[in-house]
Amino acid sequence: MTQEGREKPMSTMEIWTYRETVTAPPNIDGFEVEAIDGSIGKVDEATNEVGGSYVVVDTGPWIFGKKVLLPAGVIDRIDSEEEKVYVSRTKDAIKDAPEFDDTRYRDGDYRNEVGSYYGPGGPGYRDAS
């Protein structure tokens, strides 16, 4: 937190790390995912890799059964009782993100592309304040 009581802006590298205020349970597969403006699907896969955490969301009928990759840094909070993951992006920002590529989503170049979209200066960036 900064002196004004707000979180400092996130770097592109930090976008792959859970926020200090988020405690991720060991397994969130199957949890519902809520954007700022509504539900976007369910967690299909999640990792807790240091500096490389993410969730893959199966969007179901919302965007025709596609999946999206969300860096852990966009997660605002996880409610284990409700089994919900809350993200700090709108449905449109998530829909406009680089298309999920199931052959490359663990690849560094692809992660840089997604991180640049959601990170500072990217079209999918949103300040946490």
C-alpha atoms as a PDB file:
ATOM      1  CA  MET A   1       0.000   0.000   0.000  1.00  0.00           C
ATOM      2  CA  THR A   2       1.130   3.544  -0.673  1.00  0.00           C
ATOM      3  CA  GLN A   3       0.994   6.366   1.828  1.00  0.00           C
ATOM      4  CA  GLU A   4      -2.428   7.376   0.472  1.00  0.00           C
ATOM      5  CA  GLY A   5      -3.739   3.927   1.464  1.00  0.00           C
ATOM      6  CA  ARG A   6      -3.978   2.659  -2.108  1.00  0.00           C
ATOM      7  CA  GLU A   7      -2.140  -0.189  -3.721  1.00  0.00           C
ATOM      8  CA  LYS A   8       0.743   0.822  -5.946  1.00  0.00           C
ATOM      9  CA  PRO A   9       0.328   0.137  -9.676  1.00  0.00           C
ATOM     10  CA  MET A  10       1.258  -3.379 -10.694  1.00  0.00           C
ATOM     11  CA  SER A  11       4.159  -4.087 -13.045  1.00  0.00           C
ATOM     12  CA  THR A  12       3.825  -6.493 -15.957  1.00  0.00           C
ATOM     13  CA  MET A  13       5.809  -9.102 -13.993  1.00  0.00           C
ATOM     14  CA  GLU A  14       3.701  -8.658 -10.858  1.00  0.00           C
ATOM     15  CA  ILE A  15       0.549  -9.339 -12.881  1.00  0.00           C
ATOM     16  CA  TRP A  16       1.441 -13.064 -12.577  1.00  0.00           C
ATOM     17  CA  THR A  17       1.499 -12.926  -8.761  1.00  0.00           C
ATOM     18  CA  TYR A  18      -1.501 -13.014  -6.443  1.00  0.00           C
ATOM     19  CA  ARG A  19      -2.070  -9.723  -4.646  1.00  0.00           C
ATOM     20  CA  GLU A  20      -0.894  -9.606  -1.047  1.00  0.00           C
ATOM     21  CA  THR A  21      -4.533  -9.441   0.054  1.00  0.00           C
ATOM     22  CA  VAL A  22      -5.500 -12.653  -1.808  1.00  0.00           C
ATOM     23  CA  THR A  23      -5.054 -16.044  -0.216  1.00  0.00           C
ATOM     24  CA  ALA A  24      -5.495 -18.773  -2.797  1.00  0.00           C
ATOM     25  CA  PRO A  25      -6.674 -22.117  -1.479  1.00  0.00           C
ATOM     26  CA  PRO A  26      -4.757 -25.144  -2.781  1.00  0.00           C
ATOM     27  CA  ASN A  27      -7.455 -25.989  -5.358  1.00  0.00           C
ATOM     28  CA  ILE A  28      -9.914 -23.543  -6.906  1.00  0.00           C
ATOM     29  CA  ASP A  29     -10.772 -25.683  -9.945  1.00  0.00           C
ATOM     30  CA  GLY A  30     -14.523 -25.460 -10.554  1.00  0.00           C
ATOM     31  CA  PHE A  31     -14.956 -22.165  -8.672  1.00  0.00           C
ATOM     32  CA  GLU A  32     -17.214 -19.633 -10.403  1.00  0.00           C
ATOM     33  CA  VAL A  33     -15.491 -16.509 -11.736  1.00  0.00           C
ATOM     34  CA  GLU A  34     -17.082 -13.085 -11.354  1.00  0.00           C
ATOM     35  CA  ALA A  35     -15.953 -10.052 -13.332  1.00  0.00           C
ATOM     36  CA  ILE A  36     -16.837  -6.545 -12.142  1.00  0.00           C
ATOM     37  CA  ASP A  37     -20.058  -6.710 -14.172  1.00  0.00           C
ATOM     38  CA  GLY A  38     -21.101 -10.347 -13.911  1.00  0.00           C
ATOM     39  CA  SER A  39     -20.238 -14.015 -14.212  1.00  0.00           C
ATOM     40  CA  ILE A  40     -17.748 -15.147 -16.854  1.00  0.00           C
ATOM     41  CA  GLY A  41     -17.498 -18.893 -16.199  1.00  0.00           C
ATOM     42  CA  LYS A  42     -15.679 -21.406 -14.031  1.00  0.00           C
ATOM     43  CA  VAL A  43     -12.042 -22.086 -13.223  1.00  0.00           C
ATOM     44  CA  ASP A  44     -10.799 -24.917 -15.420  1.00  0.00           C
ATOM     45  CA  GLU A  45      -7.206 -24.822 -14.160  1.00  0.00           C
ATOM     46  CA  ALA A  46      -5.240 -22.743 -11.669  1.00  0.00           C
ATOM     47  CA  THR A  47      -1.636 -22.533 -10.555  1.00  0.00           C
ATOM     48  CA  ASN A  48       0.196 -21.158  -7.557  1.00  0.00           C
ATOM     49  CA  GLU A  49       3.586 -20.836  -9.249  1.00  0.00           C
ATOM     50  CA  VAL A  50       5.807 -18.150  -7.766  1.00  0.00           C
ATOM     51  CA  GLY A  51       5.799 -15.274 -10.276  1.00  0.00           C
ATOM     52  CA  GLY A  52       3.729 -17.275 -12.767  1.00  0.00           C
ATOM     53  CA  SER A  53       0.298 -17.879 -11.244  1.00  0.00           C
ATOM     54  CA  TYR A  54      -2.812 -17.827 -13.396  1.00  0.00           C
ATOM     55  CA  VAL A  55      -6.309 -19.203 -13.835  1.00  0.00           C
ATOM     56  CA  VAL A  56      -7.778 -20.639 -17.006  1.00  0.00           C
ATOM     57  CA  VAL A  57     -11.498 -19.883 -17.153  1.00  0.00           C
ATOM     58  CA  ASP A  58     -13.946 -21.966 -19.156  1.00  0.00           C
ATOM     59  CA  THR A  59     -16.434 -19.311 -20.279  1.00  0.00           C
ATOM     60  CA  GLY A  60     -19.138 -21.803 -21.249  1.00  0.00           C
ATOM     61  CA  PRO A  61     -21.898 -20.132 -23.269  1.00  0.00           C
ATOM     62  CA  TRP A  62     -20.728 -16.596 -22.423  1.00  0.00           C
ATOM     63  CA  ILE A  63     -18.218 -16.512 -25.298  1.00  0.00           C
ATOM     64  CA  PHE A  64     -19.175 -19.706 -27.074  1.00  0.00           C
ATOM     65  CA  GLY A  65     -17.329 -22.203 -24.942  1.00  0.00           C
ATOM     66  CA  LYS A  66     -13.935 -20.560 -25.216  1.00  0.00           C
ATOM     67  CA  LYS A  67     -11.374 -20.348 -22.464  1.00  0.00           C
ATOM     68  CA  VAL A  68      -9.490 -17.297 -21.230  1.00  0.00           C
ATOM     69  CA  LEU A  69      -6.195 -16.975 -19.383  1.00  0.00           C
ATOM     70  CA  LEU A  70      -6.236 -14.579 -16.431  1.00  0.00           C
ATOM     71  CA  PRO A  71      -3.028 -13.656 -14.604  1.00  0.00           C
ATOM     72  CA  ALA A  72      -3.317 -14.048 -10.828  1.00  0.00           C
ATOM     73  CA  GLY A  73      -2.793 -10.295 -10.368  1.00  0.00           C
ATOM     74  CA  VAL A  74      -6.272  -9.513 -11.726  1.00  0.00           C
ATOM     75  CA  ILE A  75      -7.880 -11.507  -8.903  1.00  0.00           C
ATOM     76  CA  ASP A  76      -9.355  -9.241  -6.219  1.00  0.00           C
ATOM     77  CA  ARG A  77     -10.400 -11.972  -3.822  1.00  0.00           C
ATOM     78  CA  ILE A  78     -11.329 -15.622  -3.508  1.00  0.00           C
ATOM     79  CA  ASP A  79     -14.316 -16.702  -1.436  1.00  0.00           C
ATOM     80  CA  SER A  80     -13.775 -20.354  -0.460  1.00  0.00           C
ATOM     81  CA  GLU A  81     -17.232 -20.699   1.137  1.00  0.00           C
ATOM     82  CA  GLU A  82     -19.077 -19.429  -1.954  1.00  0.00           C
ATOM     83  CA  GLU A  83     -16.495 -21.065  -4.246  1.00  0.00           C
ATOM     84  CA  LYS A  84     -16.108 -17.843  -6.224  1.00  0.00           C
ATOM     85  CA  VAL A  85     -13.150 -15.974  -7.659  1.00  0.00           C
ATOM     86  CA  TYR A  86     -13.638 -12.223  -8.092  1.00  0.00           C
ATOM     87  CA  VAL A  87     -11.574 -10.441 -10.741  1.00  0.00           C
ATOM     88  CA  SER A  88     -10.964  -6.717 -11.192  1.00  0.00           C
ATOM     89  CA  ARG A  89     -11.796  -6.570 -14.892  1.00  0.00           C
ATOM     90  CA  THR A  90     -14.985  -6.095 -16.885  1.00  0.00           C
ATOM     91  CA  LYS A  91     -16.442  -8.789 -19.088  1.00  0.00           C
ATOM     92  CA  ASP A  92     -15.560  -6.719 -22.187  1.00  0.00           C
ATOM     93  CA  ALA A  93     -11.922  -6.329 -21.104  1.00  0.00           C
ATOM     94  CA  ILE A  94     -11.678 -10.090 -20.619  1.00  0.00           C
ATOM     95  CA  LYS A  95     -13.453 -10.829 -23.912  1.00  0.00           C
ATOM     96  CA  ASP A  96     -11.046  -8.496 -25.774  1.00  0.00           C
ATOM     97  CA  ALA A  97      -7.911 -10.116 -24.277  1.00  0.00           C
ATOM     98  CA  PRO A  98      -5.502 -12.095 -26.465  1.00  0.00           C
ATOM     99  CA  GLU A  99      -7.214 -15.307 -27.537  1.00  0.00           C
ATOM    100  CA  PHE A 100      -6.490 -18.317 -25.363  1.00  0.00           C
ATOM    101  CA  ASP A 101      -4.039 -20.706 -26.982  1.00  0.00           C
ATOM    102  CA  ASP A 102      -4.055 -24.101 -25.295  1.00  0.00           C
ATOM    103  CA  THR A 103      -0.775 -25.034 -26.976  1.00  0.00           C
ATOM    104  CA  ARG A 104       1.111 -21.922 -25.799  1.00  0.00           C
ATOM    105  CA  TYR A 105      -0.421 -20.712 -22.523  1.00  0.00           C
ATOM    106  CA  ARG A 106       2.562 -21.943 -20.511  1.00  0.00           C
ATOM    107  CA  ASP A 107       4.989 -20.360 -22.999  1.00  0.00           C
ATOM    108  CA  GLY A 108       6.899 -17.205 -21.973  1.00  0.00           C
ATOM    109  CA  ASP A 109       6.175 -15.247 -25.174  1.00  0.00           C
ATOM    110  CA  TYR A 110       2.446 -15.897 -24.917  1.00  0.00           C
ATOM    111  CA  ARG A 111       2.454 -14.958 -21.234  1.00  0.00           C
ATOM    112  CA  ASN A 112       4.264 -11.710 -22.112  1.00  0.00           C
ATOM    113  CA  GLU A 113       1.508 -10.918 -24.617  1.00  0.00           C
ATOM    114  CA  VAL A 114      -1.244 -11.578 -22.060  1.00  0.00           C
ATOM    115  CA  GLY A 115       0.689  -9.794 -19.287  1.00  0.00           C
ATOM    116  CA  SER A 116       1.162  -6.738 -21.501  1.00  0.00           C
ATOM    117  CA  TYR A 117      -2.579  -6.647 -22.189  1.00  0.00           C
ATOM    118  CA  TYR A 118      -3.589  -6.772 -18.504  1.00  0.00           C
ATOM    119  CA  GLY A 119      -0.554  -4.918 -17.111  1.00  0.00           C
ATOM    120  CA  PRO A 120       0.117  -1.172 -16.803  1.00  0.00           C
ATOM    121  CA  GLY A 121      -0.319   0.624 -20.104  1.00  0.00           C
ATOM    122  CA  GLY A 122      -2.165  -2.287 -21.713  1.00  0.00           C
ATOM    123  CA  PRO A 123      -5.735  -2.040 -23.020  1.00  0.00           C
ATOM    124  CA  GLY A 124      -6.984  -4.447 -20.333  1.00  0.00           C
ATOM    125  CA  TYR A 125      -5.276  -2.612 -17.462  1.00  0.00           C
ATOM    126  CA  ARG A 126      -7.337  -1.255 -14.587  1.00  0.00           C
ATOM    127  CA  ASP A 127      -5.819   0.526 -11.601  1.00  0.00           C
ATOM    128  CA  ALA A 128      -6.678  -1.169  -8.311  1.00  0.00           C
ATOM    129  CA  SER A 129      -7.544   2.134  -6.634  1.00  0.00           C
END
